PDB file of N, CA and C in Angstrom:
ATOM      1  N   UNK A   1       0.903  -1.175  -0.015  1.00  0.00           N
ATOM      2  CA  UNK A   1      -0.021   0.005   0.041  1.00  0.00           C
ATOM      3  C   UNK A   1       0.806   1.277   0.025  1.00  0.00           C
ATOM      4  N   UNK A   2       1.946   1.348   0.770  1.00  0.00           N
ATOM      5  CA  UNK A   2       2.752   2.479   0.847  1.00  0.00           C
ATOM      6  C   UNK A   2       3.304   2.910  -0.466  1.00  0.00           C
ATOM      7  N   UNK A   3       3.400   1.966  -1.400  1.00  0.00           N
ATOM      8  CA  UNK A   3       3.943   2.279  -2.614  1.00  0.00           C
ATOM      9  C   UNK A   3       2.994   2.749  -3.754  1.00  0.00           C
ATOM     10  N   UNK A   4       1.710   2.866  -3.391  1.00  0.00           N
ATOM     11  CA  UNK A   4       0.717   3.249  -4.416  1.00  0.00           C
ATOM     12  C   UNK A   4       0.831   4.708  -4.700  1.00  0.00           C
ATOM     13  N   UNK A   5       0.727   5.010  -6.088  1.00  0.00           N
ATOM     14  CA  UNK A   5       0.719   6.331  -6.546  1.00  0.00           C
ATOM     15  C   UNK A   5      -0.605   6.584  -7.289  1.00  0.00           C
ATOM     16  N   UNK A   6      -1.073   7.732  -7.329  1.00  0.00           N
ATOM     17  CA  UNK A   6      -2.282   8.054  -8.063  1.00  0.00           C
ATOM     18  C   UNK A   6      -1.937   9.441  -8.790  1.00  0.00           C
ATOM     19  N   UNK A   7      -2.718   9.569  -9.886  1.00  0.00           N
ATOM     20  CA  UNK A   7      -2.406  10.844 -10.702  1.00  0.00           C
ATOM     21  C   UNK A   7      -3.564  11.755 -10.495  1.00  0.00           C
ATOM     22  N   UNK A   8      -3.189  12.996 -10.294  1.00  0.00           N
ATOM     23  CA  UNK A   8      -4.181  14.073 -10.040  1.00  0.00           C
ATOM     24  C   UNK A   8      -4.889  14.246 -11.240  1.00  0.00           C
ATOM     25  N   UNK A   9      -6.349  14.061 -11.177  1.00  0.00           N
ATOM     26  CA  UNK A   9      -7.223  14.241 -12.374  1.00  0.00           C
ATOM     27  C   UNK A   9      -7.662  15.749 -12.527  1.00  0.00           C
ATOM     28  N   UNK A  10      -8.640  15.784 -13.448  1.00  0.00           N
ATOM     29  CA  UNK A  10      -9.320  16.995 -13.752  1.00  0.00           C
ATOM     30  C   UNK A  10      -9.944  17.588 -12.539  1.00  0.00           C
ATOM     31  N   UNK A  11      -9.858  18.922 -12.311  1.00  0.00           N
ATOM     32  CA  UNK A  11     -10.361  19.661 -11.161  1.00  0.00           C
ATOM     33  C   UNK A  11      -9.756  19.094  -9.866  1.00  0.00           C
ATOM     34  N   UNK A  12      -8.684  18.579  -9.922  1.00  0.00           N
ATOM     35  CA  UNK A  12      -7.863  18.098  -8.673  1.00  0.00           C
ATOM     36  C   UNK A  12      -8.443  16.825  -8.033  1.00  0.00           C
ATOM     37  N   UNK A  13      -9.104  16.007  -8.917  1.00  0.00           N
ATOM     38  CA  UNK A  13      -9.767  14.853  -8.419  1.00  0.00           C
ATOM     39  C   UNK A  13      -8.710  13.685  -8.260  1.00  0.00           C
ATOM     40  N   UNK A  14      -8.826  12.885  -7.201  1.00  0.00           N
ATOM     41  CA  UNK A  14      -8.027  11.772  -7.013  1.00  0.00           C
ATOM     42  C   UNK A  14      -8.860  10.501  -6.788  1.00  0.00           C
ATOM     43  N   UNK A  15      -8.491   9.535  -7.431  1.00  0.00           N
ATOM     44  CA  UNK A  15      -9.189   8.154  -7.254  1.00  0.00           C
ATOM     45  C   UNK A  15      -8.361   7.345  -6.385  1.00  0.00           C
ATOM     46  N   UNK A  16      -9.131   6.796  -5.298  1.00  0.00           N
ATOM     47  CA  UNK A  16      -8.359   5.873  -4.357  1.00  0.00           C
ATOM     48  C   UNK A  16      -8.406   4.548  -4.928  1.00  0.00           C
ATOM     49  N   UNK A  17      -7.267   3.851  -5.125  1.00  0.00           N
ATOM     50  CA  UNK A  17      -7.234   2.588  -5.702  1.00  0.00           C
ATOM     51  C   UNK A  17      -8.130   1.653  -4.928  1.00  0.00           C
ATOM     52  N   UNK A  18      -8.671   0.646  -5.735  1.00  0.00           N
ATOM     53  CA  UNK A  18      -9.648  -0.252  -5.288  1.00  0.00           C
ATOM     54  C   UNK A  18      -9.011  -1.043  -4.127  1.00  0.00           C
ATOM     55  N   UNK A  19      -7.673  -1.441  -4.228  1.00  0.00           N
ATOM     56  CA  UNK A  19      -7.085  -2.204  -3.166  1.00  0.00           C
ATOM     57  C   UNK A  19      -7.085  -1.549  -1.895  1.00  0.00           C
ATOM     58  N   UNK A  20      -6.918  -0.056  -1.879  1.00  0.00           N
ATOM     59  CA  UNK A  20      -6.887   0.607  -0.642  1.00  0.00           C
ATOM     60  C   UNK A  20      -8.320   0.733  -0.148  1.00  0.00           C
ATOM     61  N   UNK A  21      -9.318   1.020  -1.118  1.00  0.00           N
ATOM     62  CA  UNK A  21     -10.654   1.038  -0.572  1.00  0.00           C
ATOM     63  C   UNK A  21     -11.050  -0.246   0.041  1.00  0.00           C
ATOM     64  N   UNK A  22     -10.719  -1.329  -0.446  1.00  0.00           N
ATOM     65  CA  UNK A  22     -11.115  -2.652   0.067  1.00  0.00           C
ATOM     66  C   UNK A  22     -10.469  -2.849   1.531  1.00  0.00           C
ATOM     67  N   UNK A  23      -9.124  -2.554   1.559  1.00  0.00           N
ATOM     68  CA  UNK A  23      -8.453  -2.656   2.868  1.00  0.00           C
ATOM     69  C   UNK A  23      -9.138  -1.816   3.976  1.00  0.00           C
ATOM     70  N   UNK A  24      -9.554  -0.663   3.479  1.00  0.00           N
ATOM     71  CA  UNK A  24     -10.098   0.316   4.515  1.00  0.00           C
ATOM     72  C   UNK A  24     -11.737   0.121   4.578  1.00  0.00           C
ATOM     73  N   UNK A  25     -12.089  -0.754   3.824  1.00  0.00           N
ATOM     74  CA  UNK A  25     -13.723  -0.958   3.677  1.00  0.00           C
ATOM     75  C   UNK A  25     -14.479   0.304   3.370  1.00  0.00           C
ATOM     76  N   UNK A  26     -13.938   1.021   2.498  1.00  0.00           N
ATOM     77  CA  UNK A  26     -14.594   2.252   2.071  1.00  0.00           C
ATOM     78  C   UNK A  26     -15.669   1.949   0.892  1.00  0.00           C
ATOM     79  N   UNK A  27     -16.764   2.627   1.051  1.00  0.00           N
ATOM     80  CA  UNK A  27     -17.844   2.428   0.083  1.00  0.00           C
ATOM     81  C   UNK A  27     -18.245   3.858  -0.526  1.00  0.00           C
ATOM     82  N   UNK A  28     -18.942   3.752  -1.677  1.00  0.00           N
ATOM     83  CA  UNK A  28     -19.374   5.026  -2.321  1.00  0.00           C
ATOM     84  C   UNK A  28     -20.223   5.738  -1.174  1.00  0.00           C
ATOM     85  N   UNK A  29     -19.955   7.000  -1.114  1.00  0.00           N
ATOM     86  CA  UNK A  29     -20.716   7.902  -0.236  1.00  0.00           C
ATOM     87  C   UNK A  29     -20.066   8.016   1.094  1.00  0.00           C
ATOM     88  N   UNK A  30     -19.060   7.250   1.490  1.00  0.00           N
ATOM     89  CA  UNK A  30     -18.518   7.378   2.791  1.00  0.00           C
ATOM     90  C   UNK A  30     -17.739   8.715   2.892  1.00  0.00           C
ATOM     91  N   UNK A  31     -17.763   9.346   3.961  1.00  0.00           N
ATOM     92  CA  UNK A  31     -17.034  10.590   4.228  1.00  0.00           C
ATOM     93  C   UNK A  31     -15.684  10.330   4.813  1.00  0.00           C
ATOM     94  N   UNK A  32     -14.779  11.209   4.417  1.00  0.00           N
ATOM     95  CA  UNK A  32     -13.412  11.037   4.669  1.00  0.00           C
ATOM     96  C   UNK A  32     -12.887  12.573   5.268  1.00  0.00           C
ATOM     97  N   UNK A  33     -12.206  12.491   6.346  1.00  0.00           N
ATOM     98  CA  UNK A  33     -11.661  13.706   6.861  1.00  0.00           C
ATOM     99  C   UNK A  33     -10.345  13.925   6.067  1.00  0.00           C
ATOM    100  N   UNK A  34      -9.898  15.264   6.001  1.00  0.00           N
ATOM    101  CA  UNK A  34      -8.703  15.512   5.320  1.00  0.00           C
ATOM    102  C   UNK A  34      -7.893  16.562   5.960  1.00  0.00           C
ATOM    103  N   UNK A  35      -6.508  16.349   6.179  1.00  0.00           N
ATOM    104  CA  UNK A  35      -5.659  17.222   6.808  1.00  0.00           C
ATOM    105  C   UNK A  35      -4.384  17.184   6.098  1.00  0.00           C
ATOM    106  N   UNK A  36      -3.760  18.461   6.042  1.00  0.00           N
ATOM    107  CA  UNK A  36      -2.284  18.598   5.552  1.00  0.00           C
ATOM    108  C   UNK A  36      -1.455  18.559   6.667  1.00  0.00           C
ATOM    109  N   UNK A  37      -0.554  17.668   6.914  1.00  0.00           N
ATOM    110  CA  UNK A  37       0.443  17.681   7.974  1.00  0.00           C
ATOM    111  C   UNK A  37       1.847  17.287   7.496  1.00  0.00           C
ATOM    112  N   UNK A  38       2.789  18.101   7.739  1.00  0.00           N
ATOM    113  CA  UNK A  38       4.138  17.915   7.376  1.00  0.00           C
ATOM    114  C   UNK A  38       4.277  17.680   5.929  1.00  0.00           C
ATOM    115  N   UNK A  39       3.554  18.434   5.120  1.00  0.00           N
ATOM    116  CA  UNK A  39       3.536  18.376   3.535  1.00  0.00           C
ATOM    117  C   UNK A  39       2.912  17.079   3.077  1.00  0.00           C
ATOM    118  N   UNK A  40       2.134  16.366   3.915  1.00  0.00           N
ATOM    119  CA  UNK A  40       1.407  15.174   3.487  1.00  0.00           C
ATOM    120  C   UNK A  40      -0.029  15.402   3.552  1.00  0.00           C
ATOM    121  N   UNK A  41      -0.832  14.930   2.620  1.00  0.00           N
ATOM    122  CA  UNK A  41      -2.290  14.917   2.624  1.00  0.00           C
ATOM    123  C   UNK A  41      -2.777  13.643   3.283  1.00  0.00           C
ATOM    124  N   UNK A  42      -3.354  13.717   4.321  1.00  0.00           N
ATOM    125  CA  UNK A  42      -3.823  12.495   5.160  1.00  0.00           C
ATOM    126  C   UNK A  42      -5.350  12.490   5.098  1.00  0.00           C
ATOM    127  N   UNK A  43      -5.987  11.296   4.717  1.00  0.00           N
ATOM    128  CA  UNK A  43      -7.322  11.044   4.630  1.00  0.00           C
ATOM    129  C   UNK A  43      -7.643  10.064   5.832  1.00  0.00           C
ATOM    130  N   UNK A  44      -8.707  10.271   6.439  1.00  0.00           N
ATOM    131  CA  UNK A  44      -9.192   9.312   7.505  1.00  0.00           C
ATOM    132  C   UNK A  44     -10.718   9.209   7.643  1.00  0.00           C
ATOM    133  N   UNK A  45     -11.148   8.117   8.021  1.00  0.00           N
ATOM    134  CA  UNK A  45     -12.585   7.863   8.242  1.00  0.00           C
ATOM    135  C   UNK A  45     -12.926   8.479   9.573  1.00  0.00           C
ATOM    136  N   UNK A  46     -14.188   8.906   9.828  1.00  0.00           N
ATOM    137  CA  UNK A  46     -14.616   9.435  11.299  1.00  0.00           C
ATOM    138  C   UNK A  46     -14.300   8.337  12.255  1.00  0.00           C
ATOM    139  N   UNK A  47     -14.431   7.109  11.989  1.00  0.00           N
ATOM    140  CA  UNK A  47     -14.226   5.999  12.951  1.00  0.00           C
ATOM    141  C   UNK A  47     -12.704   5.955  13.371  1.00  0.00           C
ATOM    142  N   UNK A  48     -11.831   6.150  12.317  1.00  0.00           N
ATOM    143  CA  UNK A  48     -10.468   6.172  12.626  1.00  0.00           C
ATOM    144  C   UNK A  48     -10.072   7.409  13.439  1.00  0.00           C
ATOM    145  N   UNK A  49     -10.536   8.497  13.105  1.00  0.00           N
ATOM    146  CA  UNK A  49     -10.262   9.731  13.937  1.00  0.00           C
ATOM    147  C   UNK A  49     -10.790   9.548  15.407  1.00  0.00           C
ATOM    148  N   UNK A  50     -11.937   8.992  15.552  1.00  0.00           N
ATOM    149  CA  UNK A  50     -12.463   8.702  16.939  1.00  0.00           C
ATOM    150  C   UNK A  50     -11.573   7.754  17.718  1.00  0.00           C
ATOM    151  N   UNK A  51     -11.150   6.698  17.044  1.00  0.00           N
ATOM    152  CA  UNK A  51     -10.186   5.701  17.596  1.00  0.00           C
ATOM    153  C   UNK A  51      -8.957   6.504  18.030  1.00  0.00           C
ATOM    154  N   UNK A  52      -8.328   7.320  17.210  1.00  0.00           N
ATOM    155  CA  UNK A  52      -7.154   8.010  17.419  1.00  0.00           C
ATOM    156  C   UNK A  52      -7.384   8.942  18.714  1.00  0.00           C
ATOM    157  N   UNK A  53      -8.357   9.703  18.795  1.00  0.00           N
ATOM    158  CA  UNK A  53      -8.671  10.581  19.860  1.00  0.00           C
ATOM    159  C   UNK A  53      -8.800   9.725  21.197  1.00  0.00           C
ATOM    160  N   UNK A  54      -9.500   8.597  21.065  1.00  0.00           N
ATOM    161  CA  UNK A  54      -9.611   7.808  22.244  1.00  0.00           C
ATOM    162  C   UNK A  54      -8.295   7.308  22.705  1.00  0.00           C
ATOM    163  N   UNK A  55      -7.380   6.977  21.856  1.00  0.00           N
ATOM    164  CA  UNK A  55      -6.026   6.449  22.194  1.00  0.00           C
ATOM    165  C   UNK A  55      -5.303   7.708  22.789  1.00  0.00           C
ATOM    166  N   UNK A  56      -5.415   8.767  22.262  1.00  0.00           N
ATOM    167  CA  UNK A  56      -4.589   9.951  22.772  1.00  0.00           C
ATOM    168  C   UNK A  56      -5.184  10.198  24.176  1.00  0.00           C
ATOM    169  N   UNK A  57      -6.448  10.154  24.450  1.00  0.00           N
ATOM    170  CA  UNK A  57      -7.008  10.623  25.727  1.00  0.00           C
ATOM    171  C   UNK A  57      -6.918   9.509  26.785  1.00  0.00           C
ATOM    172  N   UNK A  58      -6.691   8.246  26.330  1.00  0.00           N
ATOM    173  CA  UNK A  58      -6.717   7.048  27.288  1.00  0.00           C
ATOM    174  C   UNK A  58      -5.895   7.431  28.626  1.00  0.00           C
ATOM    175  N   UNK A  59      -4.710   7.964  28.494  1.00  0.00           N
ATOM    176  CA  UNK A  59      -3.835   8.216  29.896  1.00  0.00           C
ATOM    177  C   UNK A  59      -4.528   9.218  30.749  1.00  0.00           C
ATOM    178  N   UNK A  60      -5.504   9.995  30.260  1.00  0.00           N
ATOM    179  CA  UNK A  60      -6.069  10.964  31.087  1.00  0.00           C
ATOM    180  C   UNK A  60      -7.371  10.670  31.625  1.00  0.00           C
ATOM    181  N   UNK A  61      -7.938   9.440  31.325  1.00  0.00           N
ATOM    182  CA  UNK A  61      -9.209   9.015  31.771  1.00  0.00           C
ATOM    183  C   UNK A  61      -9.090   7.839  32.765  1.00  0.00           C
ATOM    184  N   UNK A  62      -9.770   8.190  33.879  1.00  0.00           N
ATOM    185  CA  UNK A  62      -9.785   7.217  34.959  1.00  0.00           C
ATOM    186  C   UNK A  62     -11.020   6.202  34.698  1.00  0.00           C
ATOM    187  N   UNK A  63     -10.696   4.940  34.302  1.00  0.00           N
ATOM    188  CA  UNK A  63     -11.662   3.997  33.947  1.00  0.00           C
ATOM    189  C   UNK A  63     -12.723   3.701  35.096  1.00  0.00           C
ATOM    190  N   UNK A  64     -12.464   4.009  36.263  1.00  0.00           N
ATOM    191  CA  UNK A  64     -13.266   3.767  37.369  1.00  0.00           C
ATOM    192  C   UNK A  64     -14.422   4.918  37.529  1.00  0.00           C
ATOM    193  N   UNK A  65     -14.171   5.998  36.724  1.00  0.00           N
ATOM    194  CA  UNK A  65     -15.176   7.089  36.666  1.00  0.00           C
ATOM    195  C   UNK A  65     -16.148   7.020  35.616  1.00  0.00           C
ATOM    196  N   UNK A  66     -17.296   7.423  35.735  1.00  0.00           N
ATOM    197  CA  UNK A  66     -18.340   7.565  34.602  1.00  0.00           C
ATOM    198  C   UNK A  66     -18.682   8.910  34.598  1.00  0.00           C
ATOM    199  N   UNK A  67     -18.065   9.791  33.589  1.00  0.00           N
ATOM    200  CA  UNK A  67     -18.421  11.113  33.487  1.00  0.00           C
ATOM    201  C   UNK A  67     -19.869  11.366  33.132  1.00  0.00           C
ATOM    202  N   UNK A  68     -20.530  10.364  32.512  1.00  0.00           N
ATOM    203  CA  UNK A  68     -22.002  10.479  32.302  1.00  0.00           C
ATOM    204  C   UNK A  68     -22.762  10.428  33.679  1.00  0.00           C
ATOM    205  N   UNK A  69     -22.359   9.537  34.448  1.00  0.00           N
ATOM    206  CA  UNK A  69     -22.978   9.405  35.796  1.00  0.00           C
ATOM    207  C   UNK A  69     -22.773  10.726  36.625  1.00  0.00           C
ATOM    208  N   UNK A  70     -21.551  11.253  36.492  1.00  0.00           N
ATOM    209  CA  UNK A  70     -21.188  12.449  37.231  1.00  0.00           C
ATOM    210  C   UNK A  70     -22.064  13.636  36.737  1.00  0.00           C
ATOM    211  N   UNK A  71     -22.174  13.731  35.419  1.00  0.00           N
ATOM    212  CA  UNK A  71     -23.037  14.743  34.868  1.00  0.00           C
ATOM    213  C   UNK A  71     -24.426  14.632  35.287  1.00  0.00           C
ATOM    214  N   UNK A  72     -25.047  13.536  35.314  1.00  0.00           N
ATOM    215  CA  UNK A  72     -26.381  13.200  35.757  1.00  0.00           C
ATOM    216  C   UNK A  72     -26.576  13.601  37.140  1.00  0.00           C
ATOM    217  N   UNK A  73     -25.590  13.212  38.074  1.00  0.00           N
ATOM    218  CA  UNK A  73     -25.693  13.632  39.419  1.00  0.00           C
ATOM    219  C   UNK A  73     -25.605  15.069  39.675  1.00  0.00           C
ATOM    220  N   UNK A  74     -24.758  15.745  38.837  1.00  0.00           N
ATOM    221  CA  UNK A  74     -24.761  17.253  38.943  1.00  0.00           C
ATOM    222  C   UNK A  74     -26.001  17.909  38.601  1.00  0.00           C
ATOM    223  N   UNK A  75     -26.601  17.392  37.407  1.00  0.00           N
ATOM    224  CA  UNK A  75     -27.907  17.968  36.964  1.00  0.00           C
ATOM    225  C   UNK A  75     -29.029  17.729  37.927  1.00  0.00           C
ATOM    226  N   UNK A  76     -28.995  16.464  38.595  1.00  0.00           N
ATOM    227  CA  UNK A  76     -30.031  16.261  39.625  1.00  0.00           C
ATOM    228  C   UNK A  76     -29.892  17.216  40.852  1.00  0.00           C
ATOM    229  N   UNK A  77     -28.604  17.383  41.201  1.00  0.00           N
ATOM    230  CA  UNK A  77     -28.283  18.240  42.458  1.00  0.00           C
ATOM    231  C   UNK A  77     -28.808  19.661  42.005  1.00  0.00           C
ATOM    232  N   UNK A  78     -28.415  20.150  40.851  1.00  0.00           N
ATOM    233  CA  UNK A  78     -29.015  21.536  40.377  1.00  0.00           C
ATOM    234  C   UNK A  78     -30.488  21.597  40.458  1.00  0.00           C
ATOM    235  N   UNK A  79     -31.123  20.606  40.016  1.00  0.00           N
ATOM    236  CA  UNK A  79     -32.654  20.585  39.974  1.00  0.00           C
ATOM    237  C   UNK A  79     -33.191  20.592  41.392  1.00  0.00           C
ATOM    238  N   UNK A  80     -32.492  19.885  42.306  1.00  0.00           N
ATOM    239  CA  UNK A  80     -33.021  19.699  43.742  1.00  0.00           C
ATOM    240  C   UNK A  80     -32.915  21.138  44.314  1.00  0.00           C
ATOM    241  N   UNK A  81     -31.757  21.859  44.070  1.00  0.00           N
ATOM    242  CA  UNK A  81     -31.583  23.174  44.684  1.00  0.00           C
ATOM    243  C   UNK A  81     -32.551  24.055  43.990  1.00  0.00           C
ATOM    244  N   UNK A  82     -32.749  24.016  42.747  1.00  0.00           N
ATOM    245  CA  UNK A  82     -33.855  24.765  42.097  1.00  0.00           C
ATOM    246  C   UNK A  82     -35.241  24.579  42.680  1.00  0.00           C
ATOM    247  N   UNK A  83     -35.676  23.491  43.019  1.00  0.00           N
ATOM    248  CA  UNK A  83     -36.867  23.042  43.609  1.00  0.00           C
ATOM    249  C   UNK A  83     -37.036  23.660  44.958  1.00  0.00           C
ATOM    250  N   UNK A  84     -35.942  23.684  45.760  1.00  0.00           N
ATOM    251  CA  UNK A  84     -36.034  24.203  47.059  1.00  0.00           C
ATOM    252  C   UNK A  84     -36.194  25.564  47.159  1.00  0.00           C
ATOM    253  N   UNK A  85     -35.708  26.336  46.114  1.00  0.00           N
ATOM    254  CA  UNK A  85     -35.759  27.812  46.005  1.00  0.00           C
ATOM    255  C   UNK A  85     -37.174  28.139  45.657  1.00  0.00           C
ATOM    256  N   UNK A  86     -37.906  27.299  45.024  1.00  0.00           N
ATOM    257  CA  UNK A  86     -39.325  27.505  44.840  1.00  0.00           C
ATOM    258  C   UNK A  86     -39.648  27.950  43.391  1.00  0.00           C
TER     259      UNK A  86
END
């Protein structure tokens, strides 16, 4: 895969080779994110971006905590205070 080359077509269009599409399980209509980094054009699926973000954040997240549960508890406490005020 690393050796694949494509030719820039009319209006700057690039065709992703079938072998790459099959490897990445890309289908017609799939969305791809695009970024230029260090002179390289990088394409990625939303799923790949999410997986990368999760990997980056992993050291900062305590698996014993549920942020969703904490948010719900905070909202309930705010509602209780609101109800007490009348």
